């Protein structure tokens, strides 16, 4: 997806029913634009019934990571 540098889905070792999704975007603008793409809208509408709820949402500023350039500034 344009602007998406990393997308990781991980299980929660303390809660087998929970997932952690970490996305790294080149900018908040790219992330927001992705939400308007038809494929993303379709995936969200299919996935929403499977989601019991959302916990907290965290935004971070990546400092480094495999595959990330020094211009990577946000994760959502």
C-alpha atoms as a PDB file:
ATOM      1  CA  UNK A   1       0.000   0.000   0.000  1.00  0.00           C
ATOM      2  CA  UNK A   2       1.443   3.406  -0.830  1.00  0.00           C
ATOM      3  CA  UNK A   3       3.227   4.798   2.212  1.00  0.00           C
ATOM      4  CA  UNK A   4       2.985   1.635   4.333  1.00  0.00           C
ATOM      5  CA  UNK A   5       6.494   0.634   5.384  1.00  0.00           C
ATOM      6  CA  UNK A   6       5.584  -2.232   7.713  1.00  0.00           C
ATOM      7  CA  UNK A   7       2.444  -4.126   8.756  1.00  0.00           C
ATOM      8  CA  UNK A   8       2.736  -6.744  11.497  1.00  0.00           C
ATOM      9  CA  UNK A   9      -0.021  -8.889  13.007  1.00  0.00           C
ATOM     10  CA  UNK A  10       1.025 -10.570  16.266  1.00  0.00           C
ATOM     11  CA  UNK A  11      -0.652 -12.725  18.881  1.00  0.00           C
ATOM     12  CA  UNK A  12      -0.807 -11.587  22.501  1.00  0.00           C
ATOM     13  CA  UNK A  13       1.000 -14.097  24.739  1.00  0.00           C
ATOM     14  CA  UNK A  14      -1.216 -13.146  27.703  1.00  0.00           C
ATOM     15  CA  UNK A  15      -4.533 -13.261  25.833  1.00  0.00           C
ATOM     16  CA  UNK A  16      -5.049 -15.920  23.128  1.00  0.00           C
ATOM     17  CA  UNK A  17      -8.120 -14.072  21.859  1.00  0.00           C
ATOM     18  CA  UNK A  18      -6.231 -10.805  21.252  1.00  0.00           C
ATOM     19  CA  UNK A  19      -4.149  -9.572  18.334  1.00  0.00           C
ATOM     20  CA  UNK A  20      -1.721  -6.682  18.095  1.00  0.00           C
ATOM     21  CA  UNK A  21      -1.486  -4.907  14.758  1.00  0.00           C
ATOM     22  CA  UNK A  22       1.454  -2.577  14.198  1.00  0.00           C
ATOM     23  CA  UNK A  23       1.650  -0.369  11.144  1.00  0.00           C
ATOM     24  CA  UNK A  24       4.491   1.936  10.154  1.00  0.00           C
ATOM     25  CA  UNK A  25       3.629   4.679   7.695  1.00  0.00           C
ATOM     26  CA  UNK A  26       5.777   7.271   5.998  1.00  0.00           C
ATOM     27  CA  UNK A  27       3.299   9.937   7.145  1.00  0.00           C
ATOM     28  CA  UNK A  28      -0.102  10.362   8.807  1.00  0.00           C
ATOM     29  CA  UNK A  29      -1.392  11.603   5.431  1.00  0.00           C
ATOM     30  CA  UNK A  30      -0.524   8.271   3.757  1.00  0.00           C
ATOM     31  CA  UNK A  31      -2.262   6.349   6.519  1.00  0.00           C
ATOM     32  CA  UNK A  32      -5.403   8.459   6.244  1.00  0.00           C
ATOM     33  CA  UNK A  33      -5.400   8.110   2.451  1.00  0.00           C
ATOM     34  CA  UNK A  34      -5.189   4.313   2.748  1.00  0.00           C
ATOM     35  CA  UNK A  35      -8.477   4.249   4.638  1.00  0.00           C
ATOM     36  CA  UNK A  36     -10.218   5.592   1.531  1.00  0.00           C
ATOM     37  CA  UNK A  37      -8.974   2.838  -0.799  1.00  0.00           C
ATOM     38  CA  UNK A  38     -11.740   0.455  -1.981  1.00  0.00           C
ATOM     39  CA  UNK A  39      -9.777  -2.673  -0.955  1.00  0.00           C
ATOM     40  CA  UNK A  40      -9.207  -1.295   2.545  1.00  0.00           C
ATOM     41  CA  UNK A  41     -12.857  -0.285   2.919  1.00  0.00           C
ATOM     42  CA  UNK A  42     -13.906  -3.787   1.867  1.00  0.00           C
ATOM     43  CA  UNK A  43     -11.453  -5.460   4.270  1.00  0.00           C
ATOM     44  CA  UNK A  44     -12.632  -3.276   7.137  1.00  0.00           C
ATOM     45  CA  UNK A  45     -16.303  -4.037   6.455  1.00  0.00           C
ATOM     46  CA  UNK A  46     -15.555  -7.797   6.382  1.00  0.00           C
ATOM     47  CA  UNK A  47     -13.393  -7.657   9.495  1.00  0.00           C
ATOM     48  CA  UNK A  48     -15.577  -5.433  11.670  1.00  0.00           C
ATOM     49  CA  UNK A  49     -17.995  -8.238  12.680  1.00  0.00           C
ATOM     50  CA  UNK A  50     -15.008 -10.295  13.879  1.00  0.00           C
ATOM     51  CA  UNK A  51     -13.732  -7.532  16.165  1.00  0.00           C
ATOM     52  CA  UNK A  52     -15.082  -7.674  19.714  1.00  0.00           C
ATOM     53  CA  UNK A  53     -13.631  -4.258  20.496  1.00  0.00           C
ATOM     54  CA  UNK A  54     -10.626  -2.036  20.277  1.00  0.00           C
ATOM     55  CA  UNK A  55      -8.342  -1.437  23.202  1.00  0.00           C
ATOM     56  CA  UNK A  56      -6.018   1.481  23.445  1.00  0.00           C
ATOM     57  CA  UNK A  57      -4.453   3.025  20.365  1.00  0.00           C
ATOM     58  CA  UNK A  58      -0.821   4.099  20.517  1.00  0.00           C
ATOM     59  CA  UNK A  59       1.180   6.320  18.181  1.00  0.00           C
ATOM     60  CA  UNK A  60       4.940   6.106  18.261  1.00  0.00           C
ATOM     61  CA  UNK A  61       7.876   7.549  16.348  1.00  0.00           C
ATOM     62  CA  UNK A  62      10.105   4.701  15.094  1.00  0.00           C
ATOM     63  CA  UNK A  63      13.796   5.340  15.650  1.00  0.00           C
ATOM     64  CA  UNK A  64      15.075   2.432  13.574  1.00  0.00           C
ATOM     65  CA  UNK A  65      14.154  -1.015  12.355  1.00  0.00           C
ATOM     66  CA  UNK A  66      14.889  -3.512   9.639  1.00  0.00           C
ATOM     67  CA  UNK A  67      13.515  -2.187   6.365  1.00  0.00           C
ATOM     68  CA  UNK A  68      12.805   1.282   7.718  1.00  0.00           C
ATOM     69  CA  UNK A  69      14.636   4.302   6.406  1.00  0.00           C
ATOM     70  CA  UNK A  70      15.656   7.239   8.554  1.00  0.00           C
ATOM     71  CA  UNK A  71      12.654   9.124   7.107  1.00  0.00           C
ATOM     72  CA  UNK A  72      10.158   6.766   8.770  1.00  0.00           C
ATOM     73  CA  UNK A  73       8.549   9.021  11.335  1.00  0.00           C
ATOM     74  CA  UNK A  74       5.255   7.526  12.471  1.00  0.00           C
ATOM     75  CA  UNK A  75       3.586   4.289  13.412  1.00  0.00           C
ATOM     76  CA  UNK A  76      -0.113   3.966  13.924  1.00  0.00           C
END
